[in-house]
Amino acid sequence: MADASTMASTESPGGFPPFDTTTYPSQIFWLAVTFAFLFVVLWRVAGPRINGVITARRGAINSDIAAAQKARGDAEEASAAYQTALQGARKRAQTLAENNRQTLNAEIAKAKAGADQAAASAMAKAHERIAATQEQARGHVAKAAAEAAIAIVARLTGETVSPADAAAAVRES
C-alpha cells in the first residue's frame, strides 16, 4: 500500500489537465502553431484546389448554357425549316387536290353529256317505236271498229255493209 500512497501524492491535484492554469501558455502556443499550419495548408493547398473546382464548374456550366442556347437556336431553325416545308407540302397537296377535282369534274361532265346524249337517242327511238305502235294500234282499232260495225249492222238490220263503207263510216266518226 505504500506504493499506492506514493502514487497518489505524485499525481497533480488539479483534475482535468486542459483546465490546469499552469499549462495555458503551452496550450495557446500549440493552438497558434496548429492554426497557422492549418491556415497555410488551406491557403496554399486546399484553397487553390477548391478555387480550381469552382472555376471548372463555372466554366462547365457556362459551356453547357452556351451549348443549350446553340441547341435552342438549331432547334428553332429546324422548326422554321419544318414549318416552311410543311406549308409547301400543304400547298402542293391543295394544288394536286384541286387539279384532281377539276379533272374529275371534267370527266364527270363528259360522261354525263355522253349519257344524256345516249338517253336522248334512246328516248327518240322509243318515241318513234311508240308512234309506230300507236299508228299500228289505230289501224287495228279502225279495222276492229269496221268489222264490229259490219257485224252490228248485219245483226240489227240484217243487211250486209261493205268493208270500205264500214271503214269510211268509222273514219268519219
Protein backbone atom coordinates (compact mmCIF):
# COMPACT_ATOMS: atom_id res chain seq x y z
CA MET A 1 0.00 0.00 0.00
CA ALA A 2 2.83 2.23 0.37
CA ASP A 3 3.17 2.29 -3.35
CA ALA A 4 -0.39 3.42 -3.81
CA SER A 5 0.04 6.26 -1.39
CA THR A 6 3.18 7.42 -3.12
CA MET A 7 1.40 7.41 -6.39
CA ALA A 8 -1.47 9.39 -5.07
CA SER A 9 0.88 12.07 -3.73
CA THR A 10 2.75 12.39 -7.03
CA GLU A 11 -0.44 12.97 -9.08
CA SER A 12 -1.40 16.56 -9.83
CA PRO A 13 -4.22 17.72 -7.65
CA GLY A 14 -5.86 19.95 -10.40
CA GLY A 15 -8.03 17.34 -12.14
CA PHE A 16 -8.54 17.70 -15.94
CA PRO A 17 -5.19 18.82 -17.47
CA PRO A 18 -6.55 21.31 -20.07
CA PHE A 19 -8.10 23.25 -17.22
CA ASP A 20 -4.84 23.45 -15.39
CA THR A 21 -3.83 27.10 -15.47
CA THR A 22 -0.15 26.31 -15.35
CA THR A 23 -0.31 24.73 -18.85
CA TYR A 24 -2.19 27.64 -20.54
CA PRO A 25 0.81 29.23 -22.22
CA SER A 26 1.92 25.99 -23.86
CA GLN A 27 -1.67 25.24 -24.90
CA ILE A 28 -2.01 28.68 -26.52
CA PHE A 29 1.36 28.24 -28.24
CA TRP A 30 0.36 24.89 -29.77
CA LEU A 31 -3.06 26.25 -30.69
CA ALA A 32 -1.39 29.09 -32.60
CA VAL A 33 1.06 26.72 -34.30
CA THR A 34 -1.73 24.30 -35.30
CA PHE A 35 -3.97 27.14 -36.52
CA ALA A 36 -1.12 28.66 -38.54
CA PHE A 37 -0.26 25.27 -40.04
CA LEU A 38 -3.89 24.56 -40.98
CA PHE A 39 -4.28 28.12 -42.36
CA VAL A 40 -1.21 27.69 -44.57
CA VAL A 41 -2.37 24.25 -45.76
CA LEU A 42 -5.84 25.58 -46.61
CA TRP A 43 -4.44 28.74 -48.20
CA ARG A 44 -1.73 27.06 -50.30
CA VAL A 45 -3.21 23.58 -50.99
CA ALA A 46 -6.96 23.29 -50.40
CA GLY A 47 -7.83 26.86 -51.42
CA PRO A 48 -6.42 26.64 -54.94
CA ARG A 49 -7.97 23.20 -55.39
CA ILE A 50 -11.37 24.45 -54.26
CA ASN A 51 -10.97 27.54 -56.44
CA GLY A 52 -9.98 25.31 -59.39
CA VAL A 53 -13.03 23.12 -58.87
CA ILE A 54 -15.33 26.18 -58.63
CA THR A 55 -13.75 27.68 -61.76
CA ALA A 56 -14.07 24.38 -63.62
CA ARG A 57 -17.70 24.06 -62.56
CA ARG A 58 -18.43 27.65 -63.56
CA GLY A 59 -16.76 27.01 -66.94
CA ALA A 60 -18.69 23.77 -67.44
CA ILE A 61 -21.96 25.48 -66.53
CA ASN A 62 -21.23 28.38 -68.89
CA SER A 63 -20.29 25.99 -71.71
CA ASP A 64 -23.42 23.94 -71.04
CA ILE A 65 -25.53 27.11 -71.16
CA ALA A 66 -23.84 28.13 -74.43
CA ALA A 67 -24.41 24.65 -75.87
CA ALA A 68 -28.05 24.77 -74.76
CA GLN A 69 -28.51 28.19 -76.39
CA LYS A 70 -26.89 26.89 -79.58
CA ALA A 71 -29.10 23.79 -79.48
CA ARG A 72 -32.15 26.03 -78.94
CA GLY A 73 -31.15 28.14 -81.96
CA ASP A 74 -30.63 25.00 -84.04
CA ALA A 75 -34.00 23.65 -82.90
CA GLU A 76 -35.71 26.92 -83.78
CA GLU A 77 -34.06 26.89 -87.22
CA ALA A 78 -35.09 23.26 -87.72
CA SER A 79 -38.62 24.12 -86.60
CA ALA A 80 -38.79 27.04 -89.02
CA ALA A 81 -37.48 24.83 -91.84
CA TYR A 82 -40.01 22.15 -90.90
CA GLN A 83 -42.87 24.67 -90.88
CA THR A 84 -41.76 26.03 -94.27
CA ALA A 85 -41.56 22.53 -95.72
CA LEU A 86 -44.93 21.66 -94.18
CA GLN A 87 -46.57 24.76 -95.68
CA GLY A 88 -45.03 23.96 -99.07
CA ALA A 89 -46.30 20.38 -98.86
CA ARG A 90 -49.78 21.60 -97.92
CA LYS A 91 -49.83 24.00 -100.88
CA ARG A 92 -48.69 21.23 -103.23
CA ALA A 93 -51.32 18.87 -101.81
CA GLN A 94 -54.03 21.52 -102.23
CA THR A 95 -52.89 22.20 -105.80
CA LEU A 96 -52.90 18.49 -106.62
CA ALA A 97 -56.31 18.05 -105.00
CA GLU A 98 -57.71 20.99 -106.97
CA ASN A 99 -56.24 19.63 -110.23
CA ASN A 100 -57.71 16.19 -109.49
CA ARG A 101 -61.06 17.77 -108.63
CA GLN A 102 -61.10 19.71 -111.90
CA THR A 103 -60.06 16.63 -113.90
CA LEU A 104 -62.75 14.52 -112.23
CA ASN A 105 -65.39 17.24 -112.76
CA ALA A 106 -64.43 17.42 -116.45
CA GLU A 107 -64.63 13.63 -116.77
CA ILE A 108 -67.96 13.59 -114.94
CA ALA A 109 -69.33 16.34 -117.20
CA LYS A 110 -68.11 14.46 -120.28
CA ALA A 111 -69.63 11.19 -119.04
CA LYS A 112 -72.86 13.00 -118.15
CA ALA A 113 -73.03 14.61 -121.60
CA GLY A 114 -72.45 11.21 -123.20
CA ALA A 115 -75.11 9.64 -121.00
CA ASP A 116 -77.53 12.49 -121.74
CA GLN A 117 -76.92 12.09 -125.47
CA ALA A 118 -77.39 8.31 -125.25
CA ALA A 119 -80.57 8.82 -123.21
CA ALA A 120 -81.89 11.37 -125.71
CA SER A 121 -81.13 8.99 -128.59
CA ALA A 122 -82.80 6.11 -126.76
CA MET A 123 -85.84 8.32 -125.97
CA ALA A 124 -86.13 9.40 -129.62
CA LYS A 125 -86.05 5.76 -130.73
CA ALA A 126 -88.58 4.88 -128.05
CA HIS A 127 -90.88 7.74 -129.20
CA GLU A 128 -90.56 6.50 -132.79
CA ARG A 129 -91.46 2.96 -131.68
CA ILE A 130 -94.35 4.29 -129.59
CA ALA A 131 -95.61 6.36 -132.50
CA ALA A 132 -95.33 3.35 -134.85
CA THR A 133 -97.08 1.17 -132.30
CA GLN A 134 -99.79 3.80 -131.82
CA GLU A 135 -100.28 4.06 -135.60
CA GLN A 136 -100.43 0.32 -135.88
CA ALA A 137 -102.86 0.17 -132.94
CA ARG A 138 -105.06 2.83 -134.59
CA GLY A 139 -105.09 0.74 -137.73
CA HIS A 140 -106.09 -2.34 -135.76
CA VAL A 141 -108.70 -0.36 -133.83
CA ALA A 142 -110.10 1.06 -137.05
CA LYS A 143 -110.18 -2.39 -138.63
CA ALA A 144 -111.80 -3.87 -135.50
CA ALA A 145 -114.32 -0.99 -135.41
CA ALA A 146 -115.15 -1.53 -139.08
CA GLU A 147 -115.62 -5.25 -138.51
CA ALA A 148 -117.71 -4.51 -135.42
CA ALA A 149 -119.80 -2.04 -137.43
CA ILE A 150 -120.37 -4.65 -140.15
CA ALA A 151 -121.39 -7.20 -137.54
CA ILE A 152 -123.68 -4.73 -135.70
CA VAL A 153 -125.40 -3.57 -138.90
CA ALA A 154 -125.84 -7.18 -140.01
CA ARG A 155 -127.35 -8.20 -136.77
CA LEU A 156 -129.56 -5.18 -136.30
CA THR A 157 -130.78 -4.70 -139.85
CA GLY A 158 -129.90 -7.94 -141.48
CA GLU A 159 -128.14 -6.07 -144.35
CA THR A 160 -124.51 -6.52 -145.27
CA VAL A 161 -122.31 -3.49 -145.42
CA SER A 162 -119.15 -3.47 -147.50
CA PRO A 163 -115.86 -3.22 -145.62
CA ALA A 164 -114.99 0.02 -147.46
CA ASP A 165 -118.30 1.69 -146.42
CA ALA A 166 -117.78 0.49 -142.80
CA ALA A 167 -114.20 1.84 -142.78
CA ALA A 168 -115.40 5.21 -144.17
CA ALA A 169 -118.12 5.41 -141.51
CA VAL A 170 -115.61 4.64 -138.72
CA ARG A 171 -113.21 7.33 -140.03
CA GLU A 172 -115.96 9.94 -140.08
CA SER A 173 -116.94 9.34 -136.52
